[in-house]
C-alpha atoms as a PDB file:
ATOM      1  CA  MET A   1      89.897 140.495  98.132  1.00  0.00           C
ATOM      2  CA  VAL A   2      93.419 140.969  99.466  1.00  0.00           C
ATOM      3  CA  GLU A   3      92.059 140.321 102.951  1.00  0.00           C
ATOM      4  CA  ILE A   4      90.608 136.982 101.827  1.00  0.00           C
ATOM      5  CA  GLU A   5      93.860 135.970 100.123  1.00  0.00           C
ATOM      6  CA  GLU A   6      95.880 136.779 103.228  1.00  0.00           C
ATOM      7  CA  LYS A   7      93.499 134.862 105.481  1.00  0.00           C
ATOM      8  CA  ILE A   8      93.682 131.800 103.210  1.00  0.00           C
ATOM      9  CA  LYS A   9      97.480 131.969 103.317  1.00  0.00           C
ATOM     10  CA  LYS A  10      97.443 132.295 107.092  1.00  0.00           C
ATOM     11  CA  ILE A  11      95.234 129.237 107.571  1.00  0.00           C
ATOM     12  CA  ALA A  12      97.456 127.214 105.224  1.00  0.00           C
ATOM     13  CA  GLU A  13     100.723 128.312 106.812  1.00  0.00           C
ATOM     14  CA  GLU A  14      99.462 127.680 110.344  1.00  0.00           C
ATOM     15  CA  ALA A  15      98.567 124.136 109.269  1.00  0.00           C
ATOM     16  CA  GLY A  16     102.117 123.539 107.997  1.00  0.00           C
ATOM     17  CA  ALA A  17     101.889 124.341 104.280  1.00  0.00           C
ATOM     18  CA  GLY A  18     105.246 125.304 102.785  1.00  0.00           C
ATOM     19  CA  LYS A  19     103.915 127.027  99.664  1.00  0.00           C
ATOM     20  CA  ILE A  20     100.559 128.318  98.413  1.00  0.00           C
ATOM     21  CA  GLY A  21      99.558 129.519  94.965  1.00  0.00           C
ATOM     22  CA  PHE A  22      96.559 130.880  93.084  1.00  0.00           C
ATOM     23  CA  ALA A  23      95.693 130.177  89.435  1.00  0.00           C
ATOM     24  CA  LYS A  24      92.894 130.821  86.971  1.00  0.00           C
ATOM     25  CA  THR A  25      90.992 127.737  85.829  1.00  0.00           C
ATOM     26  CA  ASP A  26      90.080 127.022  82.218  1.00  0.00           C
ATOM     27  CA  PHE A  27      87.006 124.803  82.525  1.00  0.00           C
ATOM     28  CA  LYS A  28      84.776 124.630  79.464  1.00  0.00           C
ATOM     29  CA  LYS A  29      81.110 125.614  79.679  1.00  0.00           C
ATOM     30  CA  GLU A  30      79.959 122.005  79.508  1.00  0.00           C
ATOM     31  CA  ASP A  31      82.175 121.035  82.450  1.00  0.00           C
ATOM     32  CA  ARG A  32      80.290 120.736  85.733  1.00  0.00           C
ATOM     33  CA  LEU A  33      83.141 122.625  87.418  1.00  0.00           C
ATOM     34  CA  PHE A  34      82.786 125.592  85.026  1.00  0.00           C
ATOM     35  CA  LYS A  35      81.519 127.938  87.774  1.00  0.00           C
ATOM     36  CA  TYR A  36      84.847 127.690  89.606  1.00  0.00           C
ATOM     37  CA  LYS A  37      87.086 130.483  88.307  1.00  0.00           C
ATOM     38  CA  SER A  38      90.202 129.871  90.390  1.00  0.00           C
ATOM     39  CA  SER A  39      92.229 127.115  92.003  1.00  0.00           C
ATOM     40  CA  ILE A  40      94.165 127.405  95.244  1.00  0.00           C
ATOM     41  CA  THR A  41      97.086 125.005  95.644  1.00  0.00           C
ATOM     42  CA  LEU A  42      98.662 124.105  98.979  1.00  0.00           C
ATOM     43  CA  ILE A  43     102.029 122.349  99.147  1.00  0.00           C
ATOM     44  CA  PHE A  44     102.888 120.390 102.273  1.00  0.00           C
ATOM     45  CA  PRO A  45     106.513 119.198 102.554  1.00  0.00           C
ATOM     46  CA  LEU A  46     107.168 115.617 103.593  1.00  0.00           C
ATOM     47  CA  LEU A  47     109.612 114.943 106.412  1.00  0.00           C
ATOM     48  CA  GLU A  48     113.224 114.326 105.414  1.00  0.00           C
ATOM     49  CA  GLY A  49     113.629 111.857 108.268  1.00  0.00           C
ATOM     50  CA  ILE A  50     110.884 109.676 106.791  1.00  0.00           C
ATOM     51  CA  ILE A  51     111.784 110.015 103.105  1.00  0.00           C
ATOM     52  CA  SER A  52     115.502 109.346 103.714  1.00  0.00           C
ATOM     53  CA  SER A  53     114.596 105.899 105.077  1.00  0.00           C
ATOM     54  CA  ILE A  54     113.314 104.809 101.653  1.00  0.00           C
ATOM     55  CA  GLU A  55     115.881 102.955  99.555  1.00  0.00           C
ATOM     56  CA  ASN A  56     114.724 100.006  97.457  1.00  0.00           C
ATOM     57  CA  LYS A  57     111.196  99.765  98.820  1.00  0.00           C
ATOM     58  CA  PRO A  58     108.725 101.824 100.862  1.00  0.00           C
ATOM     59  CA  THR A  59     108.693 101.701 104.637  1.00  0.00           C
ATOM     60  CA  TYR A  60     105.864 101.353 107.136  1.00  0.00           C
ATOM     61  CA  GLU A  61     106.786 104.793 108.439  1.00  0.00           C
ATOM     62  CA  TYR A  62     106.401 106.314 104.984  1.00  0.00           C
ATOM     63  CA  PHE A  63     102.960 104.743 104.500  1.00  0.00           C
ATOM     64  CA  HIS A  64     101.798 106.139 107.839  1.00  0.00           C
ATOM     65  CA  HIS A  65     103.307 109.559 107.033  1.00  0.00           C
ATOM     66  CA  TYR A  66     101.624 109.555 103.610  1.00  0.00           C
ATOM     67  CA  ARG A  67      98.223 108.919 105.174  1.00  0.00           C
ATOM     68  CA  SER A  68      98.794 111.439 107.967  1.00  0.00           C
ATOM     69  CA  ILE A  69      99.749 114.227 105.550  1.00  0.00           C
ATOM     70  CA  ASN A  70      96.743 113.458 103.343  1.00  0.00           C
ATOM     71  CA  ARG A  71      94.508 113.733 106.389  1.00  0.00           C
ATOM     72  CA  LEU A  72      96.108 117.061 107.338  1.00  0.00           C
ATOM     73  CA  ILE A  73      95.642 118.374 103.797  1.00  0.00           C
ATOM     74  CA  ASP A  74      91.973 117.384 103.699  1.00  0.00           C
ATOM     75  CA  ASP A  75      91.362 119.013 107.083  1.00  0.00           C
ATOM     76  CA  THR A  76      93.107 122.200 105.932  1.00  0.00           C
ATOM     77  CA  THR A  77      91.348 122.488 102.571  1.00  0.00           C
ATOM     78  CA  LEU A  78      88.024 121.937 104.345  1.00  0.00           C
ATOM     79  CA  LYS A  79      88.810 124.681 106.855  1.00  0.00           C
ATOM     80  CA  ILE A  80      89.753 127.110 104.077  1.00  0.00           C
ATOM     81  CA  SER A  81      86.650 126.156 102.097  1.00  0.00           C
ATOM     82  CA  MET A  82      84.416 126.833 105.085  1.00  0.00           C
ATOM     83  CA  TYR A  83      86.035 130.254 105.491  1.00  0.00           C
ATOM     84  CA  ILE A  84      85.505 131.039 101.788  1.00  0.00           C
ATOM     85  CA  GLU A  85      81.833 130.111 101.935  1.00  0.00           C
ATOM     86  CA  LYS A  86      81.342 132.225 105.063  1.00  0.00           C
ATOM     87  CA  LYS A  87      82.555 135.125 102.929  1.00  0.00           C
ATOM     88  CA  GLY A  88      79.777 134.448 100.414  1.00  0.00           C
ATOM     89  CA  TYR A  89      81.703 132.541  97.734  1.00  0.00           C
ATOM     90  CA  LEU A  90      81.669 128.920  96.563  1.00  0.00           C
ATOM     91  CA  ALA A  91      84.418 126.476  97.526  1.00  0.00           C
ATOM     92  CA  TYR A  92      85.156 122.921  96.376  1.00  0.00           C
ATOM     93  CA  PRO A  93      87.939 121.115  98.280  1.00  0.00           C
ATOM     94  CA  VAL A  94      89.529 118.385  96.148  1.00  0.00           C
ATOM     95  CA  ALA A  95      90.500 115.209  98.011  1.00  0.00           C
ATOM     96  CA  ALA A  96      94.245 114.905  98.615  1.00  0.00           C
ATOM     97  CA  SER A  97      94.346 111.348  97.280  1.00  0.00           C
ATOM     98  CA  GLN A  98      91.403 109.948  95.373  1.00  0.00           C
ATOM     99  CA  SER A  99      90.997 108.307  91.965  1.00  0.00           C
ATOM    100  CA  VAL A 100      87.559 108.801  90.465  1.00  0.00           C
ATOM    101  CA  LYS A 101      88.320 107.758  86.900  1.00  0.00           C
ATOM    102  CA  GLY A 102      89.638 104.588  85.338  1.00  0.00           C
ATOM    103  CA  ASP A 103      92.907 106.245  84.322  1.00  0.00           C
ATOM    104  CA  TYR A 104      94.202 106.833  87.869  1.00  0.00           C
ATOM    105  CA  CYS A 105      93.068 110.476  87.944  1.00  0.00           C
ATOM    106  CA  GLY A 106      91.113 112.593  90.387  1.00  0.00           C
ATOM    107  CA  ILE A 107      88.278 115.049  89.761  1.00  0.00           C
ATOM    108  CA  PHE A 108      90.863 117.816  89.250  1.00  0.00           C
ATOM    109  CA  SER A 109      94.624 117.564  88.849  1.00  0.00           C
ATOM    110  CA  HIS A 110      96.496 118.959  91.856  1.00  0.00           C
ATOM    111  CA  LYS A 111      99.585 119.206  89.658  1.00  0.00           C
ATOM    112  CA  GLN A 112      97.724 121.231  87.053  1.00  0.00           C
ATOM    113  CA  GLY A 113      96.803 123.753  89.715  1.00  0.00           C
ATOM    114  CA  ALA A 114     100.370 123.795  91.033  1.00  0.00           C
ATOM    115  CA  THR A 115     102.068 124.345  87.670  1.00  0.00           C
ATOM    116  CA  SER A 116      99.447 126.939  86.670  1.00  0.00           C
ATOM    117  CA  SER A 117     100.164 128.906  89.849  1.00  0.00           C
ATOM    118  CA  GLY A 118     103.931 128.721  89.366  1.00  0.00           C
ATOM    119  CA  LEU A 119     104.751 126.445  92.292  1.00  0.00           C
ATOM    120  CA  GLY A 120     106.720 123.815  90.384  1.00  0.00           C
ATOM    121  CA  TRP A 121     107.002 121.631  87.287  1.00  0.00           C
ATOM    122  CA  ILE A 122     106.132 118.035  86.426  1.00  0.00           C
ATOM    123  CA  GLY A 123     109.159 115.791  86.798  1.00  0.00           C
ATOM    124  CA  LYS A 124     109.990 112.704  84.764  1.00  0.00           C
ATOM    125  CA  SER A 125     108.345 110.705  87.549  1.00  0.00           C
ATOM    126  CA  ALA A 126     105.075 112.602  86.820  1.00  0.00           C
ATOM    127  CA  LEU A 127     105.324 114.120  90.304  1.00  0.00           C
ATOM    128  CA  LEU A 128     105.315 117.828  91.011  1.00  0.00           C
ATOM    129  CA  VAL A 129     108.876 119.030  91.621  1.00  0.00           C
ATOM    130  CA  THR A 130     109.511 122.258  93.513  1.00  0.00           C
ATOM    131  CA  SER A 131     112.801 124.104  93.796  1.00  0.00           C
ATOM    132  CA  GLU A 132     112.501 124.151  97.612  1.00  0.00           C
ATOM    133  CA  TYR A 133     111.416 120.576  98.362  1.00  0.00           C
ATOM    134  CA  GLY A 134     111.859 118.644  95.126  1.00  0.00           C
ATOM    135  CA  PRO A 135     109.090 116.042  94.758  1.00  0.00           C
ATOM    136  CA  ARG A 136     109.077 115.543  98.540  1.00  0.00           C
ATOM    137  CA  VAL A 137     105.607 117.076  98.853  1.00  0.00           C
ATOM    138  CA  ARG A 138     101.878 116.365  98.977  1.00  0.00           C
ATOM    139  CA  LEU A 139      99.330 118.676  97.390  1.00  0.00           C
ATOM    140  CA  GLY A 140      95.940 120.068  98.286  1.00  0.00           C
ATOM    141  CA  THR A 141      93.532 122.022  96.070  1.00  0.00           C
ATOM    142  CA  ILE A 142      90.469 124.188  96.547  1.00  0.00           C
ATOM    143  CA  LEU A 143      88.376 125.378  93.611  1.00  0.00           C
ATOM    144  CA  THR A 144      86.423 128.601  94.088  1.00  0.00           C
ATOM    145  CA  ASP A 145      84.454 131.226  92.170  1.00  0.00           C
ATOM    146  CA  ILE A 146      86.616 134.013  93.617  1.00  0.00           C
ATOM    147  CA  ASP A 147      88.579 136.194  91.188  1.00  0.00           C
ATOM    148  CA  PHE A 148      91.874 136.679  93.011  1.00  0.00           C
ATOM    149  CA  ILE A 149      94.268 139.575  92.550  1.00  0.00           C
ATOM    150  CA  ASN A 150      97.605 137.760  92.808  1.00  0.00           C
ATOM    151  CA  TYR A 151      97.731 134.832  90.384  1.00  0.00           C
ATOM    152  CA  GLY A 152     100.997 132.968  89.907  1.00  0.00           C
ATOM    153  CA  GLU A 153     102.942 132.749  86.661  1.00  0.00           C
ATOM    154  CA  LYS A 154     102.343 129.463  84.866  1.00  0.00           C
ATOM    155  CA  ILE A 155     105.281 127.063  84.486  1.00  0.00           C
ATOM    156  CA  ASN A 156     105.401 125.417  81.053  1.00  0.00           C
ATOM    157  CA  LYS A 157     108.531 123.263  81.048  1.00  0.00           C
ATOM    158  CA  SER A 158     110.426 120.776  83.158  1.00  0.00           C
ATOM    159  CA  LYS A 159     113.755 121.573  84.782  1.00  0.00           C
ATOM    160  CA  CYS A 160     114.797 117.925  85.016  1.00  0.00           C
ATOM    161  CA  ASN A 161     116.828 118.236  81.804  1.00  0.00           C
ATOM    162  CA  GLU A 162     119.228 115.286  81.338  1.00  0.00           C
ATOM    163  CA  CYS A 163     118.733 113.763  84.804  1.00  0.00           C
ATOM    164  CA  ASN A 164     117.302 110.223  84.656  1.00  0.00           C
ATOM    165  CA  ILE A 165     117.914 109.020  88.202  1.00  0.00           C
ATOM    166  CA  CYS A 166     114.221 108.381  88.916  1.00  0.00           C
ATOM    167  CA  ARG A 167     113.813 106.507  85.619  1.00  0.00           C
ATOM    168  CA  ASP A 168     116.767 104.262  86.384  1.00  0.00           C
ATOM    169  CA  LYS A 169     115.629 103.618  89.968  1.00  0.00           C
ATOM    170  CA  CYS A 170     111.954 102.894  89.168  1.00  0.00           C
ATOM    171  CA  PRO A 171     111.302  99.172  89.864  1.00  0.00           C
ATOM    172  CA  ALA A 172     108.111  99.265  87.766  1.00  0.00           C
ATOM    173  CA  LEU A 173     109.892 100.665  84.685  1.00  0.00           C
ATOM    174  CA  ALA A 174     107.066 103.184  84.580  1.00  0.00           C
ATOM    175  CA  ILE A 175     109.150 106.284  83.743  1.00  0.00           C
ATOM    176  CA  THR A 176     110.002 106.930  80.091  1.00  0.00           C
ATOM    177  CA  GLY A 177     112.648 109.596  80.704  1.00  0.00           C
ATOM    178  CA  LYS A 178     110.948 112.279  78.601  1.00  0.00           C
ATOM    179  CA  ASN A 179     110.883 115.840  79.847  1.00  0.00           C
ATOM    180  CA  TRP A 180     107.424 117.263  80.534  1.00  0.00           C
ATOM    181  CA  GLU A 181     106.023 120.232  78.655  1.00  0.00           C
ATOM    182  CA  LEU A 182     102.655 121.917  79.096  1.00  0.00           C
ATOM    183  CA  GLY A 183      99.923 120.024  77.239  1.00  0.00           C
ATOM    184  CA  MET A 184     101.788 116.704  77.179  1.00  0.00           C
ATOM    185  CA  GLU A 185      99.766 113.602  78.047  1.00  0.00           C
ATOM    186  CA  ARG A 186     100.888 111.873  81.245  1.00  0.00           C
ATOM    187  CA  ALA A 187     101.254 108.562  79.392  1.00  0.00           C
ATOM    188  CA  GLU A 188     104.111 110.059  77.373  1.00  0.00           C
ATOM    189  CA  ILE A 189     106.270 110.350  80.476  1.00  0.00           C
ATOM    190  CA  PHE A 190     104.767 107.899  82.952  1.00  0.00           C
ATOM    191  CA  ASP A 191     102.844 104.596  82.961  1.00  0.00           C
ATOM    192  CA  ALA A 192     100.461 104.970  85.913  1.00  0.00           C
ATOM    193  CA  LYS A 193      99.061 101.456  85.503  1.00  0.00           C
ATOM    194  CA  ALA A 194     102.500  99.837  85.625  1.00  0.00           C
ATOM    195  CA  CYS A 195     103.319 101.820  88.779  1.00  0.00           C
ATOM    196  CA  SER A 196     100.060 100.881  90.493  1.00  0.00           C
ATOM    197  CA  GLU A 197     100.252  97.205  89.625  1.00  0.00           C
ATOM    198  CA  HIS A 198     103.864  96.940  90.785  1.00  0.00           C
ATOM    199  CA  MET A 199     103.005  98.507  94.151  1.00  0.00           C
ATOM    200  CA  LYS A 200     100.054  96.163  94.653  1.00  0.00           C
ATOM    201  CA  ASN A 201     102.122  93.103  93.799  1.00  0.00           C
ATOM    202  CA  ALA A 202     105.454  93.993  95.434  1.00  0.00           C
ATOM    203  CA  TYR A 203     104.389  95.862  98.553  1.00  0.00           C
ATOM    204  CA  LYS A 204     101.269  94.037  99.747  1.00  0.00           C
ATOM    205  CA  ASP A 205     102.607  93.998 103.282  1.00  0.00           C
ATOM    206  CA  ILE A 206     102.962  97.805 103.405  1.00  0.00           C
ATOM    207  CA  GLY A 207      99.590  99.507 103.233  1.00  0.00           C
ATOM    208  CA  ARG A 208      98.323  96.874 100.795  1.00  0.00           C
ATOM    209  CA  GLY A 209     100.551  98.272  98.078  1.00  0.00           C
ATOM    210  CA  ALA A 210      99.328 101.871  98.203  1.00  0.00           C
ATOM    211  CA  VAL A 211     102.732 103.607  98.217  1.00  0.00           C
ATOM    212  CA  CYS A 212     106.279 103.316  96.897  1.00  0.00           C
ATOM    213  CA  GLY A 213     108.267 106.570  97.225  1.00  0.00           C
ATOM    214  CA  ILE A 214     111.512 105.466  95.569  1.00  0.00           C
ATOM    215  CA  CYS A 215     111.330 108.196  92.899  1.00  0.00           C
ATOM    216  CA  ILE A 216     110.714 110.782  95.619  1.00  0.00           C
ATOM    217  CA  ALA A 217     113.661 109.682  97.741  1.00  0.00           C
ATOM    218  CA  CYS A 218     116.219 109.452  94.924  1.00  0.00           C
ATOM    219  CA  CYS A 219     115.506 112.815  93.260  1.00  0.00           C
ATOM    220  CA  PRO A 220     118.412 115.289  93.669  1.00  0.00           C
ATOM    221  CA  TYR A 221     115.911 118.117  94.126  1.00  0.00           C
ATOM    222  CA  SER A 222     114.521 116.356  97.192  1.00  0.00           C
ATOM    223  CA  ARG A 223     117.739 116.634  99.189  1.00  0.00           C
ATOM    224  CA  ILE A 224     117.871 119.329 101.826  1.00  0.00           C
ATOM    225  CA  LYS A 225     120.741 121.722 101.143  1.00  0.00           C
ATOM    226  CA  LYS A 226     122.798 122.027 104.326  1.00  0.00           C
END
């Protein structure tokens, strides 16, 4: 099993992933994903040169970068999944960016996998925040029936503390300013509908309102330490 873990890490790192983590899943028996015992989370850092160009609105460069990184993530999770299945296990790559429910959620939460594997916490912006890159990241996930040896240590609390910069900068007023804790509903800290509707109305000329990025750019954790 160690050999498989190391190979997965190698594929991810060669593709540009900055961090990778493994976590146990907790699907219930009635869940169609119940057979998947573990999640693998890949963290891809966004480029400082692109993010630093965002001030009061997204840029065309950021929209293109966002799509390019998502494409890279999907290619990488597919490659890892194909390797896993060649080894005789099941693999389920989760799309980097896809809403399949009416509440702006995907089939599986990338952030749940990331916090469960100890890669970061949920910020007040409802984004994953890492100590290395802040929220300046995109996430990829693979579900598998492999029982890994080296699972990460779950993170249960936010480290945002009294900082409210993202709340104050959010043009959609979507951020409540509450600190995240494990088990908290997203709606308690973030209004996903308000965010989505603002982007669609305010940024129609940039990717048809698919991105914003202001909360990513203004976060103190997202600044490279020189």
